[in-house]
Amino acid sequence: MMLRTIGLRPPTLPPIDLEVAPATILTLSGPSGIGKSLFLRAVVDLDPNEGEVSLGDRFRNKTAAPHWRRLVGYLPAESHWWRDRVRDHFICLEALPLTELGMPPESLDWSVSRLSSGERQRLALARLLAQTPQALLLDEPTANLDSDSTTRVEALVREYASSRGAPVIWVSHDGDQCRRIGDRHLLLGPDGLRERTWN
């Protein structure tokens, strides 16, 4: 399904028109503090904003917020954990991509307090994918990971996008990563978005 924004305007940003095709990974970069996270949060309707967002023939303003956030899965830069045991944060434990992310099955029984930042990041991605969203918004999903874990995350997201036809917006400050994983790359600046092509 196509993910589309029309005149989407989070606070501090100009209106943004954007289309992300099915099975496409769009990487998004820009200076720190420019509003990349605000843009993702606006797409999933977590902060005040103006404009329209649609996924296929579904429009955000005609879809109940909880359902919209199941359709458009958002992974924040800092994941949230509200119970002590990892498994208590998962609605469904079937077909979790733990092995693909380099996490042992017993990690589900770990205390959240013992998790490193990288383990939290990978488990938060597993939690998101277990909900089978139809589009992904990923805010620096590999920022705390080593090169091996980064490769695992990139491969898993690529496979998910391809197999499910899911459009993906991936925020990254890593130019090499943007080249590797992105089918398209956009730069966000004070004047809005512009396409970046690699030489």
N, C-alpha and C. Protein backbone atom coordinates (compact mmCIF):
# COMPACT_ATOMS: atom_id res chain seq x y z
N MET A 1 0.84 -1.19 0.00
CA MET A 1 0.00 0.00 0.00
C MET A 1 0.88 1.26 0.00
N MET A 2 0.44 2.25 -0.67
CA MET A 2 1.15 3.52 -0.71
C MET A 2 0.90 4.30 0.58
N LEU A 3 1.98 4.80 1.18
CA LEU A 3 1.87 5.71 2.32
C LEU A 3 2.03 7.12 1.77
N ARG A 4 1.06 7.98 2.07
CA ARG A 4 1.04 9.31 1.46
C ARG A 4 0.74 10.37 2.51
N THR A 5 1.49 11.47 2.47
CA THR A 5 1.16 12.63 3.29
C THR A 5 0.85 13.80 2.34
N ILE A 6 -0.17 14.57 2.70
CA ILE A 6 -0.57 15.73 1.90
C ILE A 6 -0.65 16.93 2.82
N GLY A 7 0.26 17.87 2.64
CA GLY A 7 0.27 19.07 3.46
C GLY A 7 0.46 18.78 4.94
N LEU A 8 1.14 17.69 5.25
CA LEU A 8 1.34 17.33 6.67
C LEU A 8 2.28 18.33 7.31
N ARG A 9 1.81 18.94 8.38
CA ARG A 9 2.57 20.02 8.99
C ARG A 9 2.68 19.84 10.50
N PRO A 10 3.77 19.22 10.95
CA PRO A 10 4.04 19.19 12.39
C PRO A 10 4.50 20.57 12.85
N PRO A 11 4.52 20.82 14.15
CA PRO A 11 5.05 22.09 14.65
C PRO A 11 6.49 22.31 14.17
N THR A 12 6.79 23.53 13.79
CA THR A 12 8.13 24.00 13.37
C THR A 12 8.51 23.59 11.95
N LEU A 13 7.68 22.79 11.25
CA LEU A 13 8.04 22.36 9.90
C LEU A 13 7.05 22.90 8.88
N PRO A 14 7.52 23.12 7.64
CA PRO A 14 6.59 23.50 6.57
C PRO A 14 5.74 22.30 6.16
N PRO A 15 4.66 22.52 5.42
CA PRO A 15 3.83 21.39 4.97
C PRO A 15 4.66 20.41 4.13
N ILE A 16 4.42 19.13 4.34
CA ILE A 16 5.20 18.09 3.66
C ILE A 16 4.27 17.20 2.85
N ASP A 17 4.56 17.10 1.55
CA ASP A 17 3.89 16.15 0.67
C ASP A 17 4.87 15.03 0.36
N LEU A 18 4.44 13.80 0.56
CA LEU A 18 5.36 12.68 0.40
C LEU A 18 4.58 11.43 0.01
N GLU A 19 5.17 10.62 -0.88
CA GLU A 19 4.62 9.32 -1.22
C GLU A 19 5.72 8.28 -1.07
N VAL A 20 5.40 7.19 -0.36
CA VAL A 20 6.32 6.07 -0.22
C VAL A 20 5.61 4.84 -0.77
N ALA A 21 6.17 4.27 -1.82
CA ALA A 21 5.53 3.15 -2.50
C ALA A 21 5.63 1.87 -1.69
N PRO A 22 4.76 0.90 -1.98
CA PRO A 22 4.85 -0.39 -1.29
C PRO A 22 6.24 -1.01 -1.46
N ALA A 23 6.71 -1.69 -0.41
CA ALA A 23 7.99 -2.40 -0.42
C ALA A 23 9.19 -1.49 -0.65
N THR A 24 9.00 -0.20 -0.40
CA THR A 24 10.08 0.78 -0.58
C THR A 24 10.58 1.25 0.78
N ILE A 25 11.91 1.29 0.93
CA ILE A 25 12.51 1.87 2.13
C ILE A 25 13.02 3.26 1.77
N LEU A 26 12.41 4.26 2.39
CA LEU A 26 12.83 5.64 2.21
C LEU A 26 13.64 6.05 3.43
N THR A 27 14.89 6.43 3.22
CA THR A 27 15.71 6.90 4.34
C THR A 27 15.60 8.42 4.41
N LEU A 28 15.58 8.90 5.65
CA LEU A 28 15.37 10.32 5.92
C LEU A 28 16.48 10.79 6.84
N SER A 29 17.17 11.84 6.43
CA SER A 29 18.22 12.40 7.28
C SER A 29 18.09 13.92 7.30
N GLY A 30 18.90 14.54 8.15
CA GLY A 30 18.87 15.99 8.29
C GLY A 30 19.55 16.36 9.59
N PRO A 31 19.79 17.65 9.80
CA PRO A 31 20.48 18.09 11.02
C PRO A 31 19.73 17.69 12.28
N SER A 32 20.46 17.48 13.35
CA SER A 32 19.83 17.17 14.64
C SER A 32 18.90 18.31 15.03
N GLY A 33 17.72 17.95 15.50
CA GLY A 33 16.76 18.95 15.95
C GLY A 33 15.91 19.57 14.86
N ILE A 34 16.08 19.13 13.60
CA ILE A 34 15.34 19.74 12.50
C ILE A 34 13.87 19.32 12.50
N GLY A 35 13.56 18.14 13.09
CA GLY A 35 12.17 17.73 13.16
C GLY A 35 11.87 16.37 12.53
N LYS A 36 12.89 15.55 12.34
CA LYS A 36 12.65 14.22 11.74
C LYS A 36 11.73 13.37 12.63
N SER A 37 11.99 13.37 13.93
CA SER A 37 11.13 12.60 14.84
C SER A 37 9.74 13.22 14.90
N LEU A 38 9.66 14.53 14.89
CA LEU A 38 8.35 15.19 14.88
C LEU A 38 7.53 14.79 13.65
N PHE A 39 8.21 14.66 12.52
CA PHE A 39 7.53 14.25 11.31
C PHE A 39 6.96 12.83 11.45
N LEU A 40 7.77 11.90 11.95
CA LEU A 40 7.26 10.53 12.15
C LEU A 40 6.09 10.52 13.12
N ARG A 41 6.21 11.27 14.21
CA ARG A 41 5.15 11.31 15.21
C ARG A 41 3.87 11.92 14.63
N ALA A 42 4.03 12.86 13.69
CA ALA A 42 2.86 13.44 13.04
C ALA A 42 2.17 12.42 12.14
N VAL A 43 2.97 11.62 11.41
CA VAL A 43 2.39 10.60 10.53
C VAL A 43 1.53 9.64 11.33
N VAL A 44 2.01 9.26 12.52
CA VAL A 44 1.27 8.29 13.34
C VAL A 44 0.29 8.98 14.28
N ASP A 45 0.23 10.32 14.21
CA ASP A 45 -0.75 11.14 14.92
C ASP A 45 -0.57 11.12 16.43
N LEU A 46 0.69 11.24 16.87
CA LEU A 46 0.98 11.30 18.29
C LEU A 46 1.09 12.74 18.80
N ASP A 47 1.32 13.69 17.90
CA ASP A 47 1.45 15.09 18.26
C ASP A 47 0.50 15.93 17.41
N PRO A 48 0.17 17.15 17.86
CA PRO A 48 -0.68 18.01 17.04
C PRO A 48 -0.05 18.27 15.68
N ASN A 49 -0.89 18.25 14.65
CA ASN A 49 -0.40 18.50 13.29
C ASN A 49 -1.57 18.85 12.39
N GLU A 50 -1.24 19.34 11.22
CA GLU A 50 -2.25 19.64 10.20
C GLU A 50 -1.94 18.80 8.96
N GLY A 51 -2.95 18.63 8.11
CA GLY A 51 -2.75 17.90 6.87
C GLY A 51 -3.37 16.52 6.90
N GLU A 52 -3.11 15.77 5.83
CA GLU A 52 -3.71 14.44 5.66
C GLU A 52 -2.63 13.38 5.53
N VAL A 53 -2.97 12.19 6.00
CA VAL A 53 -2.10 11.02 5.83
C VAL A 53 -3.00 9.86 5.41
N SER A 54 -2.53 9.06 4.45
CA SER A 54 -3.30 7.88 4.05
C SER A 54 -2.35 6.71 3.84
N LEU A 55 -2.91 5.52 4.01
CA LEU A 55 -2.21 4.27 3.72
C LEU A 55 -3.14 3.47 2.83
N GLY A 56 -2.78 3.36 1.57
CA GLY A 56 -3.71 2.77 0.61
C GLY A 56 -4.98 3.60 0.56
N ASP A 57 -6.13 2.95 0.76
CA ASP A 57 -7.39 3.69 0.72
C ASP A 57 -7.89 4.07 2.11
N ARG A 58 -7.05 3.92 3.12
CA ARG A 58 -7.43 4.31 4.48
C ARG A 58 -6.85 5.69 4.81
N PHE A 59 -7.70 6.54 5.34
CA PHE A 59 -7.28 7.88 5.72
C PHE A 59 -7.19 7.98 7.24
N ARG A 60 -6.13 8.62 7.69
CA ARG A 60 -5.90 8.73 9.13
C ARG A 60 -7.06 9.39 9.85
N ASN A 61 -7.61 10.45 9.26
CA ASN A 61 -8.67 11.19 9.95
C ASN A 61 -10.01 10.45 9.96
N LYS A 62 -10.08 9.31 9.27
CA LYS A 62 -11.30 8.50 9.27
C LYS A 62 -11.07 7.15 9.95
N THR A 63 -9.93 7.02 10.62
CA THR A 63 -9.56 5.76 11.27
C THR A 63 -9.32 6.02 12.75
N ALA A 64 -9.88 5.19 13.60
CA ALA A 64 -9.65 5.34 15.05
C ALA A 64 -8.15 5.28 15.33
N ALA A 65 -7.70 6.15 16.23
CA ALA A 65 -6.26 6.28 16.48
C ALA A 65 -5.58 4.95 16.84
N PRO A 66 -6.15 4.13 17.74
CA PRO A 66 -5.47 2.85 18.05
C PRO A 66 -5.32 1.96 16.83
N HIS A 67 -6.33 1.93 15.97
CA HIS A 67 -6.26 1.10 14.77
C HIS A 67 -5.23 1.66 13.80
N TRP A 68 -5.20 2.98 13.65
CA TRP A 68 -4.22 3.61 12.75
C TRP A 68 -2.79 3.26 13.20
N ARG A 69 -2.56 3.27 14.49
CA ARG A 69 -1.21 2.98 15.00
C ARG A 69 -0.85 1.51 14.94
N ARG A 70 -1.84 0.65 14.74
CA ARG A 70 -1.54 -0.76 14.43
C ARG A 70 -1.21 -0.92 12.96
N LEU A 71 -1.86 -0.13 12.13
CA LEU A 71 -1.57 -0.19 10.69
C LEU A 71 -0.21 0.41 10.37
N VAL A 72 0.09 1.54 10.98
CA VAL A 72 1.34 2.27 10.74
C VAL A 72 2.19 2.13 12.00
N GLY A 73 3.12 1.20 11.97
CA GLY A 73 3.91 0.89 13.16
C GLY A 73 5.05 1.88 13.34
N TYR A 74 5.16 2.41 14.55
CA TYR A 74 6.17 3.44 14.85
C TYR A 74 7.14 2.91 15.89
N LEU A 75 8.44 2.97 15.57
CA LEU A 75 9.49 2.60 16.51
C LEU A 75 10.25 3.86 16.91
N PRO A 76 10.03 4.37 18.12
CA PRO A 76 10.72 5.59 18.55
C PRO A 76 12.20 5.32 18.82
N ALA A 77 12.98 6.39 18.87
CA ALA A 77 14.41 6.24 19.15
C ALA A 77 14.64 5.66 20.54
N GLU A 78 13.78 5.99 21.48
CA GLU A 78 13.85 5.44 22.83
C GLU A 78 12.60 4.59 23.06
N SER A 79 12.80 3.27 23.21
CA SER A 79 11.66 2.39 23.39
C SER A 79 11.11 2.48 24.81
N HIS A 80 9.85 2.13 24.95
CA HIS A 80 9.17 2.25 26.24
C HIS A 80 8.86 0.85 26.79
N TRP A 81 9.14 0.66 28.07
CA TRP A 81 8.91 -0.61 28.75
C TRP A 81 8.23 -0.30 30.08
N TRP A 82 7.13 -0.98 30.37
CA TRP A 82 6.33 -0.61 31.54
C TRP A 82 6.12 -1.77 32.52
N ARG A 83 6.63 -2.96 32.17
CA ARG A 83 6.59 -4.09 33.10
C ARG A 83 8.01 -4.61 33.28
N ASP A 84 8.20 -5.43 34.30
CA ASP A 84 9.58 -5.84 34.61
C ASP A 84 10.09 -6.92 33.67
N ARG A 85 9.23 -7.85 33.24
CA ARG A 85 9.69 -8.97 32.43
C ARG A 85 9.45 -8.70 30.96
N VAL A 86 10.42 -9.06 30.11
CA VAL A 86 10.33 -8.77 28.68
C VAL A 86 9.07 -9.37 28.08
N ARG A 87 8.78 -10.64 28.34
CA ARG A 87 7.66 -11.30 27.67
C ARG A 87 6.32 -10.66 27.97
N ASP A 88 6.22 -9.93 29.07
CA ASP A 88 4.95 -9.30 29.43
C ASP A 88 4.61 -8.11 28.54
N HIS A 89 5.53 -7.75 27.63
CA HIS A 89 5.29 -6.65 26.70
C HIS A 89 4.84 -7.13 25.33
N PHE A 90 4.69 -8.45 25.17
CA PHE A 90 4.33 -9.03 23.88
C PHE A 90 2.94 -9.62 23.95
N ILE A 91 2.08 -9.20 23.04
CA ILE A 91 0.73 -9.76 22.96
C ILE A 91 0.77 -11.16 22.39
N CYS A 92 1.62 -11.36 21.38
CA CYS A 92 1.75 -12.66 20.73
C CYS A 92 3.22 -13.07 20.74
N LEU A 93 3.49 -14.31 21.15
CA LEU A 93 4.86 -14.80 21.21
C LEU A 93 5.19 -15.73 20.04
N GLU A 94 4.24 -15.89 19.11
CA GLU A 94 4.47 -16.75 17.95
C GLU A 94 5.29 -16.02 16.90
N ALA A 95 6.24 -16.73 16.31
CA ALA A 95 7.01 -16.25 15.15
C ALA A 95 7.74 -14.95 15.42
N LEU A 96 8.20 -14.75 16.64
CA LEU A 96 9.01 -13.56 16.93
C LEU A 96 10.38 -13.70 16.25
N PRO A 97 10.89 -12.65 15.64
CA PRO A 97 12.17 -12.74 14.93
C PRO A 97 13.38 -12.58 15.86
N LEU A 98 13.39 -13.33 16.95
CA LEU A 98 14.48 -13.18 17.92
C LEU A 98 15.80 -13.66 17.35
N THR A 99 15.80 -14.83 16.72
CA THR A 99 17.04 -15.37 16.15
C THR A 99 17.59 -14.44 15.09
N GLU A 100 16.70 -13.93 14.23
CA GLU A 100 17.13 -13.02 13.17
C GLU A 100 17.80 -11.77 13.74
N LEU A 101 17.40 -11.38 14.93
CA LEU A 101 17.95 -10.19 15.58
C LEU A 101 19.12 -10.51 16.51
N GLY A 102 19.52 -11.78 16.56
CA GLY A 102 20.64 -12.15 17.42
C GLY A 102 20.30 -12.20 18.89
N MET A 103 19.02 -12.40 19.20
CA MET A 103 18.57 -12.48 20.60
C MET A 103 18.18 -13.91 20.92
N PRO A 104 18.63 -14.47 22.04
CA PRO A 104 18.27 -15.84 22.39
C PRO A 104 16.81 -15.91 22.85
N PRO A 105 16.15 -17.06 22.66
CA PRO A 105 14.76 -17.20 23.09
C PRO A 105 14.56 -16.89 24.58
N GLU A 106 15.56 -17.21 25.40
CA GLU A 106 15.41 -16.96 26.84
C GLU A 106 15.40 -15.48 27.19
N SER A 107 15.71 -14.61 26.22
CA SER A 107 15.66 -13.17 26.51
C SER A 107 14.24 -12.72 26.87
N LEU A 108 13.24 -13.50 26.47
CA LEU A 108 11.86 -13.15 26.83
C LEU A 108 11.64 -13.22 28.34
N ASP A 109 12.46 -14.00 29.02
CA ASP A 109 12.31 -14.14 30.47
C ASP A 109 13.25 -13.23 31.26
N TRP A 110 14.00 -12.41 30.55
CA TRP A 110 14.89 -11.48 31.22
C TRP A 110 14.11 -10.33 31.84
N SER A 111 14.70 -9.73 32.85
CA SER A 111 14.16 -8.48 33.39
C SER A 111 14.56 -7.33 32.47
N VAL A 112 13.64 -6.42 32.25
CA VAL A 112 13.93 -5.27 31.39
C VAL A 112 15.12 -4.48 31.95
N SER A 113 15.27 -4.45 33.25
CA SER A 113 16.34 -3.66 33.86
C SER A 113 17.73 -4.18 33.52
N ARG A 114 17.85 -5.43 33.10
CA ARG A 114 19.15 -5.99 32.77
C ARG A 114 19.52 -5.81 31.30
N LEU A 115 18.58 -5.30 30.49
CA LEU A 115 18.82 -5.16 29.06
C LEU A 115 19.76 -3.99 28.77
N SER A 116 20.68 -4.18 27.84
CA SER A 116 21.49 -3.07 27.34
C SER A 116 20.62 -2.23 26.41
N SER A 117 21.10 -1.05 26.04
CA SER A 117 20.33 -0.18 25.14
C SER A 117 20.14 -0.86 23.79
N GLY A 118 21.16 -1.60 23.32
CA GLY A 118 21.03 -2.30 22.04
C GLY A 118 20.04 -3.44 22.11
N GLU A 119 20.02 -4.17 23.23
CA GLU A 119 19.04 -5.25 23.39
C GLU A 119 17.64 -4.69 23.45
N ARG A 120 17.46 -3.59 24.14
CA ARG A 120 16.13 -2.96 24.18
C ARG A 120 15.69 -2.56 22.78
N GLN A 121 16.63 -2.03 22.00
CA GLN A 121 16.29 -1.58 20.66
C GLN A 121 15.85 -2.74 19.78
N ARG A 122 16.58 -3.84 19.84
CA ARG A 122 16.23 -5.01 19.01
C ARG A 122 14.92 -5.64 19.47
N LEU A 123 14.72 -5.75 20.77
CA LEU A 123 13.48 -6.34 21.26
C LEU A 123 12.28 -5.44 20.97
N ALA A 124 12.49 -4.14 20.98
CA ALA A 124 11.40 -3.22 20.63
C ALA A 124 11.01 -3.39 19.16
N LEU A 125 11.99 -3.63 18.30
CA LEU A 125 11.68 -3.89 16.89
C LEU A 125 10.92 -5.21 16.76
N ALA A 126 11.35 -6.25 17.48
CA ALA A 126 10.63 -7.52 17.45
C ALA A 126 9.19 -7.34 17.91
N ARG A 127 8.99 -6.54 18.96
CA ARG A 127 7.65 -6.27 19.48
C ARG A 127 6.79 -5.58 18.42
N LEU A 128 7.38 -4.63 17.71
CA LEU A 128 6.64 -3.91 16.67
C LEU A 128 6.27 -4.84 15.52
N LEU A 129 7.22 -5.62 15.04
CA LEU A 129 6.95 -6.49 13.89
C LEU A 129 5.96 -7.59 14.24
N ALA A 130 5.92 -8.00 15.50
CA ALA A 130 4.96 -9.02 15.92
C ALA A 130 3.52 -8.56 15.75
N GLN A 131 3.31 -7.25 15.69
CA GLN A 131 1.97 -6.69 15.49
C GLN A 131 1.60 -6.61 14.01
N THR A 132 2.52 -6.99 13.13
CA THR A 132 2.36 -7.02 11.67
C THR A 132 1.75 -5.73 11.10
N PRO A 133 2.38 -4.58 11.37
CA PRO A 133 1.88 -3.34 10.77
C PRO A 133 2.05 -3.37 9.25
N GLN A 134 1.26 -2.55 8.57
CA GLN A 134 1.31 -2.51 7.12
C GLN A 134 2.26 -1.45 6.60
N ALA A 135 2.79 -0.61 7.49
CA ALA A 135 3.82 0.37 7.15
C ALA A 135 4.70 0.54 8.39
N LEU A 136 5.96 0.93 8.19
CA LEU A 136 6.90 1.08 9.30
C LEU A 136 7.49 2.48 9.31
N LEU A 137 7.55 3.07 10.50
CA LEU A 137 8.24 4.33 10.74
C LEU A 137 9.32 4.05 11.78
N LEU A 138 10.57 4.11 11.39
CA LEU A 138 11.68 3.69 12.24
C LEU A 138 12.59 4.88 12.53
N ASP A 139 12.69 5.25 13.80
CA ASP A 139 13.49 6.40 14.20
C ASP A 139 14.85 5.92 14.72
N GLU A 140 15.84 5.95 13.85
CA GLU A 140 17.21 5.53 14.16
C GLU A 140 17.23 4.15 14.85
N PRO A 141 16.73 3.13 14.17
CA PRO A 141 16.58 1.82 14.82
C PRO A 141 17.88 1.09 15.11
N THR A 142 19.00 1.58 14.57
CA THR A 142 20.28 0.91 14.82
C THR A 142 21.29 1.82 15.53
N ALA A 143 20.82 2.89 16.12
CA ALA A 143 21.73 3.89 16.69
C ALA A 143 22.62 3.32 17.79
N ASN A 144 22.13 2.34 18.54
CA ASN A 144 22.90 1.79 19.67
C ASN A 144 23.48 0.41 19.38
N LEU A 145 23.55 0.03 18.10
CA LEU A 145 23.93 -1.34 17.75
C LEU A 145 25.32 -1.41 17.13
N ASP A 146 25.96 -2.57 17.33
CA ASP A 146 27.24 -2.81 16.67
C ASP A 146 26.97 -3.21 15.22
N SER A 147 28.05 -3.41 14.45
CA SER A 147 27.89 -3.64 13.02
C SER A 147 27.14 -4.93 12.71
N ASP A 148 27.38 -5.99 13.50
CA ASP A 148 26.68 -7.26 13.26
C ASP A 148 25.18 -7.11 13.50
N SER A 149 24.82 -6.48 14.62
CA SER A 149 23.39 -6.29 14.92
C SER A 149 22.74 -5.35 13.92
N THR A 150 23.49 -4.34 13.48
CA THR A 150 22.96 -3.42 12.47
C THR A 150 22.63 -4.17 11.18
N THR A 151 23.54 -5.04 10.76
CA THR A 151 23.32 -5.84 9.55
C THR A 151 22.07 -6.71 9.70
N ARG A 152 21.88 -7.29 10.89
CA ARG A 152 20.71 -8.13 11.14
C ARG A 152 19.43 -7.31 11.03
N VAL A 153 19.41 -6.13 11.63
CA VAL A 153 18.22 -5.29 11.59
C VAL A 153 17.91 -4.86 10.16
N GLU A 154 18.94 -4.44 9.43
CA GLU A 154 18.72 -4.02 8.05
C GLU A 154 18.14 -5.15 7.21
N ALA A 155 18.68 -6.37 7.38
CA ALA A 155 18.18 -7.51 6.60
C ALA A 155 16.74 -7.85 6.97
N LEU A 156 16.43 -7.79 8.27
CA LEU A 156 15.08 -8.13 8.71
C LEU A 156 14.06 -7.12 8.19
N VAL A 157 14.39 -5.84 8.27
CA VAL A 157 13.45 -4.82 7.78
C VAL A 157 13.29 -4.92 6.27
N ARG A 158 14.38 -5.17 5.55
CA ARG A 158 14.28 -5.33 4.10
C ARG A 158 13.37 -6.51 3.75
N GLU A 159 13.54 -7.63 4.45
CA GLU A 159 12.71 -8.81 4.18
C GLU A 159 11.25 -8.52 4.51
N TYR A 160 11.00 -7.82 5.62
CA TYR A 160 9.63 -7.50 6.02
C TYR A 160 8.98 -6.61 4.96
N ALA A 161 9.69 -5.58 4.54
CA ALA A 161 9.13 -4.66 3.53
C ALA A 161 8.83 -5.40 2.23
N SER A 162 9.76 -6.25 1.80
CA SER A 162 9.59 -6.96 0.53
C SER A 162 8.46 -7.98 0.58
N SER A 163 8.41 -8.76 1.67
CA SER A 163 7.43 -9.84 1.74
C SER A 163 6.02 -9.33 1.98
N ARG A 164 5.89 -8.19 2.63
CA ARG A 164 4.56 -7.67 2.96
C ARG A 164 4.15 -6.46 2.13
N GLY A 165 5.04 -6.00 1.26
CA GLY A 165 4.73 -4.82 0.48
C GLY A 165 4.58 -3.58 1.34
N ALA A 166 5.34 -3.53 2.44
CA ALA A 166 5.19 -2.44 3.41
C ALA A 166 6.08 -1.25 3.03
N PRO A 167 5.53 -0.05 2.97
CA PRO A 167 6.37 1.14 2.84
C PRO A 167 7.07 1.41 4.18
N VAL A 168 8.31 1.87 4.10
CA VAL A 168 9.12 2.11 5.29
C VAL A 168 9.74 3.50 5.22
N ILE A 169 9.65 4.25 6.31
CA ILE A 169 10.43 5.49 6.47
C ILE A 169 11.43 5.22 7.59
N TRP A 170 12.72 5.35 7.27
CA TRP A 170 13.82 5.00 8.18
C TRP A 170 14.67 6.24 8.42
N VAL A 171 14.62 6.79 9.61
CA VAL A 171 15.45 7.95 9.95
C VAL A 171 16.84 7.46 10.33
N SER A 172 17.86 8.09 9.73
CA SER A 172 19.24 7.70 10.01
C SER A 172 20.16 8.90 9.80
N HIS A 173 21.19 8.99 10.66
CA HIS A 173 22.25 9.99 10.48
C HIS A 173 23.46 9.39 9.77
N ASP A 174 23.39 8.10 9.44
CA ASP A 174 24.51 7.37 8.87
C ASP A 174 24.38 7.36 7.35
N GLY A 175 25.21 8.13 6.67
CA GLY A 175 25.14 8.21 5.22
C GLY A 175 25.39 6.88 4.53
N ASP A 176 26.33 6.10 5.06
CA ASP A 176 26.61 4.78 4.47
C ASP A 176 25.39 3.88 4.60
N GLN A 177 24.72 3.96 5.74
CA GLN A 177 23.52 3.15 5.92
C GLN A 177 22.43 3.57 4.95
N CYS A 178 22.26 4.87 4.77
CA CYS A 178 21.25 5.36 3.83
C CYS A 178 21.50 4.81 2.42
N ARG A 179 22.77 4.75 2.02
CA ARG A 179 23.10 4.19 0.72
C ARG A 179 22.77 2.70 0.64
N ARG A 180 23.07 1.98 1.74
CA ARG A 180 22.87 0.53 1.75
C ARG A 180 21.40 0.14 1.72
N ILE A 181 20.63 0.76 2.60
CA ILE A 181 19.28 0.26 2.86
C ILE A 181 18.20 1.02 2.10
N GLY A 182 18.48 2.26 1.72
CA GLY A 182 17.44 3.10 1.15
C GLY A 182 17.22 2.92 -0.34
N ASP A 183 15.97 2.74 -0.75
CA ASP A 183 15.62 2.80 -2.17
C ASP A 183 15.54 4.25 -2.63
N ARG A 184 15.19 5.10 -1.69
CA ARG A 184 15.18 6.56 -1.92
C ARG A 184 15.77 7.20 -0.68
N HIS A 185 16.31 8.42 -0.87
CA HIS A 185 16.84 9.14 0.29
C HIS A 185 16.39 10.59 0.21
N LEU A 186 15.84 11.09 1.33
CA LEU A 186 15.39 12.47 1.41
C LEU A 186 16.12 13.18 2.53
N LEU A 187 16.39 14.45 2.30
CA LEU A 187 16.97 15.33 3.31
C LEU A 187 15.89 16.27 3.82
N LEU A 188 15.77 16.38 5.14
CA LEU A 188 14.82 17.31 5.75
C LEU A 188 15.57 18.53 6.23
N GLY A 189 15.14 19.70 5.76
CA GLY A 189 15.74 20.96 6.17
C GLY A 189 14.68 21.97 6.53
N PRO A 190 15.07 23.20 6.83
CA PRO A 190 14.10 24.23 7.23
C PRO A 190 13.03 24.49 6.17
N ASP A 191 13.37 24.23 4.89
CA ASP A 191 12.43 24.48 3.81
C ASP A 191 11.64 23.23 3.41
N GLY A 192 11.83 22.15 4.14
CA GLY A 192 11.09 20.93 3.84
C GLY A 192 11.99 19.83 3.32
N LEU A 193 11.42 18.95 2.49
CA LEU A 193 12.14 17.77 1.99
C LEU A 193 12.73 18.03 0.62
N ARG A 194 13.90 17.43 0.39
CA ARG A 194 14.42 17.37 -0.98
C ARG A 194 15.08 16.03 -1.21
N GLU A 195 14.95 15.56 -2.44
CA GLU A 195 15.48 14.25 -2.80
C GLU A 195 16.99 14.31 -2.90
N ARG A 196 17.64 13.25 -2.41
CA ARG A 196 19.09 13.13 -2.51
C ARG A 196 19.40 11.95 -3.41
N THR A 197 20.23 12.18 -4.41
CA THR A 197 20.67 11.09 -5.27
C THR A 197 22.15 10.84 -5.01
N TRP A 198 22.52 9.57 -5.05
CA TRP A 198 23.92 9.19 -4.81
C TRP A 198 24.67 9.13 -6.12
N ASN A 199 25.90 9.60 -6.11
CA ASN A 199 26.73 9.54 -7.32
C ASN A 199 27.25 8.12 -7.54
